[in-house]
C-alpha atoms as a PDB file:
ATOM      1  CA  MET A   1    -139.017-127.792  29.838  1.00  0.00           C
ATOM      2  CA  PRO A   2    -141.172-124.844  30.741  1.00  0.00           C
ATOM      3  CA  VAL A   3    -140.796-121.659  28.703  1.00  0.00           C
ATOM      4  CA  ARG A   4    -141.400-118.011  29.753  1.00  0.00           C
ATOM      5  CA  ASN A   5    -140.999-114.868  27.834  1.00  0.00           C
ATOM      6  CA  ILE A   6    -139.837-111.496  29.196  1.00  0.00           C
ATOM      7  CA  ILE A   7    -139.506-108.126  27.598  1.00  0.00           C
ATOM      8  CA  VAL A   8    -136.244-106.384  28.655  1.00  0.00           C
ATOM      9  CA  GLY A   9    -135.432-102.716  28.339  1.00  0.00           C
ATOM     10  CA  THR A  10    -132.867-100.211  29.578  1.00  0.00           C
ATOM     11  CA  THR A  11    -133.628-100.846  33.238  1.00  0.00           C
ATOM     12  CA  PRO A  12    -132.082-103.939  34.824  1.00  0.00           C
ATOM     13  CA  VAL A  13    -134.609-106.769  35.197  1.00  0.00           C
ATOM     14  CA  LYS A  14    -134.229-109.964  37.181  1.00  0.00           C
ATOM     15  CA  ILE A  15    -135.119-112.651  34.564  1.00  0.00           C
ATOM     16  CA  VAL A  16    -134.375-115.793  36.633  1.00  0.00           C
ATOM     17  CA  ASP A  17    -134.597-116.225  40.439  1.00  0.00           C
ATOM     18  CA  TYR A  18    -132.097-118.252  42.453  1.00  0.00           C
ATOM     19  CA  ASN A  19    -133.213-121.836  42.481  1.00  0.00           C
ATOM     20  CA  PRO A  20    -131.077-124.574  44.028  1.00  0.00           C
ATOM     21  CA  LYS A  21    -133.193-127.311  42.051  1.00  0.00           C
ATOM     22  CA  ARG A  22    -132.424-125.875  38.596  1.00  0.00           C
ATOM     23  CA  THR A  23    -130.322-128.210  36.518  1.00  0.00           C
ATOM     24  CA  SER A  24    -130.199-126.264  33.167  1.00  0.00           C
ATOM     25  CA  LEU A  25    -130.966-122.889  31.886  1.00  0.00           C
ATOM     26  CA  LEU A  26    -131.287-121.475  28.363  1.00  0.00           C
ATOM     27  CA  ILE A  27    -131.813-117.719  27.700  1.00  0.00           C
ATOM     28  CA  GLN A  28    -132.656-116.781  24.113  1.00  0.00           C
ATOM     29  CA  ASN A  29    -132.911-113.276  22.594  1.00  0.00           C
ATOM     30  CA  ALA A  30    -135.774-114.076  20.299  1.00  0.00           C
ATOM     31  CA  THR A  31    -136.137-110.622  18.725  1.00  0.00           C
ATOM     32  CA  GLY A  32    -135.207-106.945  19.323  1.00  0.00           C
ATOM     33  CA  SER A  33    -132.158-105.058  20.511  1.00  0.00           C
ATOM     34  CA  ASP A  34    -128.905-106.743  21.841  1.00  0.00           C
ATOM     35  CA  VAL A  35    -129.401-107.711  25.387  1.00  0.00           C
ATOM     36  CA  TYR A  36    -126.798-108.109  28.118  1.00  0.00           C
ATOM     37  CA  ILE A  37    -127.149-110.838  30.892  1.00  0.00           C
ATOM     38  CA  ARG A  38    -125.294-111.279  34.041  1.00  0.00           C
ATOM     39  CA  SER A  39    -125.686-112.962  37.457  1.00  0.00           C
ATOM     40  CA  SER A  40    -125.547-109.535  39.189  1.00  0.00           C
ATOM     41  CA  PRO A  41    -127.843-106.507  38.882  1.00  0.00           C
ATOM     42  CA  THR A  42    -124.839-104.095  38.601  1.00  0.00           C
ATOM     43  CA  GLU A  43    -122.670-103.298  35.490  1.00  0.00           C
ATOM     44  CA  ILE A  44    -124.799-105.551  33.305  1.00  0.00           C
ATOM     45  CA  THR A  45    -123.979-103.713  29.982  1.00  0.00           C
ATOM     46  CA  SER A  46    -120.300-103.398  30.710  1.00  0.00           C
ATOM     47  CA  LYS A  47    -119.504-106.841  32.319  1.00  0.00           C
ATOM     48  CA  GLY A  48    -122.370-109.018  31.049  1.00  0.00           C
ATOM     49  CA  ILE A  49    -122.747-111.499  28.233  1.00  0.00           C
ATOM     50  CA  VAL A  50    -124.191-109.959  25.068  1.00  0.00           C
ATOM     51  CA  LEU A  51    -126.844-111.739  23.121  1.00  0.00           C
ATOM     52  CA  MET A  52    -127.862-110.400  19.726  1.00  0.00           C
ATOM     53  CA  ALA A  53    -131.300-111.172  18.334  1.00  0.00           C
ATOM     54  CA  GLY A  54    -131.531-114.881  17.687  1.00  0.00           C
ATOM     55  CA  GLN A  55    -128.674-115.862  19.932  1.00  0.00           C
ATOM     56  CA  ALA A  56    -128.918-117.888  23.072  1.00  0.00           C
ATOM     57  CA  PHE A  57    -126.937-118.594  26.154  1.00  0.00           C
ATOM     58  CA  SER A  58    -127.191-121.965  27.932  1.00  0.00           C
ATOM     59  CA  ILE A  59    -125.664-123.614  31.023  1.00  0.00           C
ATOM     60  CA  SER A  60    -126.090-126.978  32.588  1.00  0.00           C
ATOM     61  CA  ILE A  61    -125.349-128.441  36.018  1.00  0.00           C
ATOM     62  CA  LEU A  62    -122.960-130.772  34.267  1.00  0.00           C
ATOM     63  CA  VAL A  63    -120.809-127.797  33.387  1.00  0.00           C
ATOM     64  CA  GLU A  64    -121.078-125.420  36.295  1.00  0.00           C
ATOM     65  CA  LYS A  65    -123.227-126.235  39.311  1.00  0.00           C
ATOM     66  CA  SER A  66    -123.245-122.823  41.036  1.00  0.00           C
ATOM     67  CA  GLU A  67    -123.909-120.788  37.844  1.00  0.00           C
ATOM     68  CA  THR A  68    -126.889-122.910  36.920  1.00  0.00           C
ATOM     69  CA  LYS A  69    -128.617-122.169  40.256  1.00  0.00           C
ATOM     70  CA  GLN A  70    -128.094-118.406  40.671  1.00  0.00           C
ATOM     71  CA  GLU A  71    -130.231-115.487  39.710  1.00  0.00           C
ATOM     72  CA  TRP A  72    -129.799-113.841  36.330  1.00  0.00           C
ATOM     73  CA  TRP A  73    -130.380-110.261  35.213  1.00  0.00           C
ATOM     74  CA  ALA A  74    -130.792-108.583  31.843  1.00  0.00           C
ATOM     75  CA  GLN A  75    -130.678-105.062  30.361  1.00  0.00           C
ATOM     76  CA  THR A  76    -130.438-103.390  26.902  1.00  0.00           C
ATOM     77  CA  LEU A  77    -128.511-100.262  26.000  1.00  0.00           C
ATOM     78  CA  SER A  78    -131.505 -99.036  23.961  1.00  0.00           C
ATOM     79  CA  GLY A  79    -134.843-100.370  22.835  1.00  0.00           C
ATOM     80  CA  THR A  80    -136.269-103.690  24.050  1.00  0.00           C
ATOM     81  CA  ALA A  81    -135.454-107.340  23.677  1.00  0.00           C
ATOM     82  CA  ASP A  82    -137.890-110.282  23.775  1.00  0.00           C
ATOM     83  CA  LEU A  83    -136.333-113.098  25.805  1.00  0.00           C
ATOM     84  CA  ARG A  84    -137.312-116.656  26.123  1.00  0.00           C
ATOM     85  CA  ILE A  85    -136.257-118.485  29.287  1.00  0.00           C
ATOM     86  CA  PHE A  86    -136.090-122.281  29.378  1.00  0.00           C
ATOM     87  CA  GLU A  87    -135.413-123.956  32.720  1.00  0.00           C
ATOM     88  CA  ASP A  88    -135.230-127.642  33.765  1.00  0.00           C
ATOM     89  CA  PHE A  89    -135.312-128.777  37.413  1.00  0.00           C
ATOM     90  CA  GLU A  90    -134.477-131.762  39.595  1.00  0.00           C
ATOM     91  CA  THR A  91    -137.447-134.102  40.065  1.00  0.00           C
END
């Protein structure tokens, strides 16, 4: 499973593009500030999922097909967060 790292700050950043071949996704806040993730670039910090340092969010095609494929955005309220993105795809 390929791994990427992304530094996220107070400006919304697209961390995962839409990909219809994605079968699983894991987003981990490795270090830093709390980070909010959402499948929309708006209202991330008020309606998104919060990940504290060390926490992760994962989703699989076995659970929710459409959520696995869509784009994801991230943002912090202050400071930065170091995210790890793990994706798996159809072969």
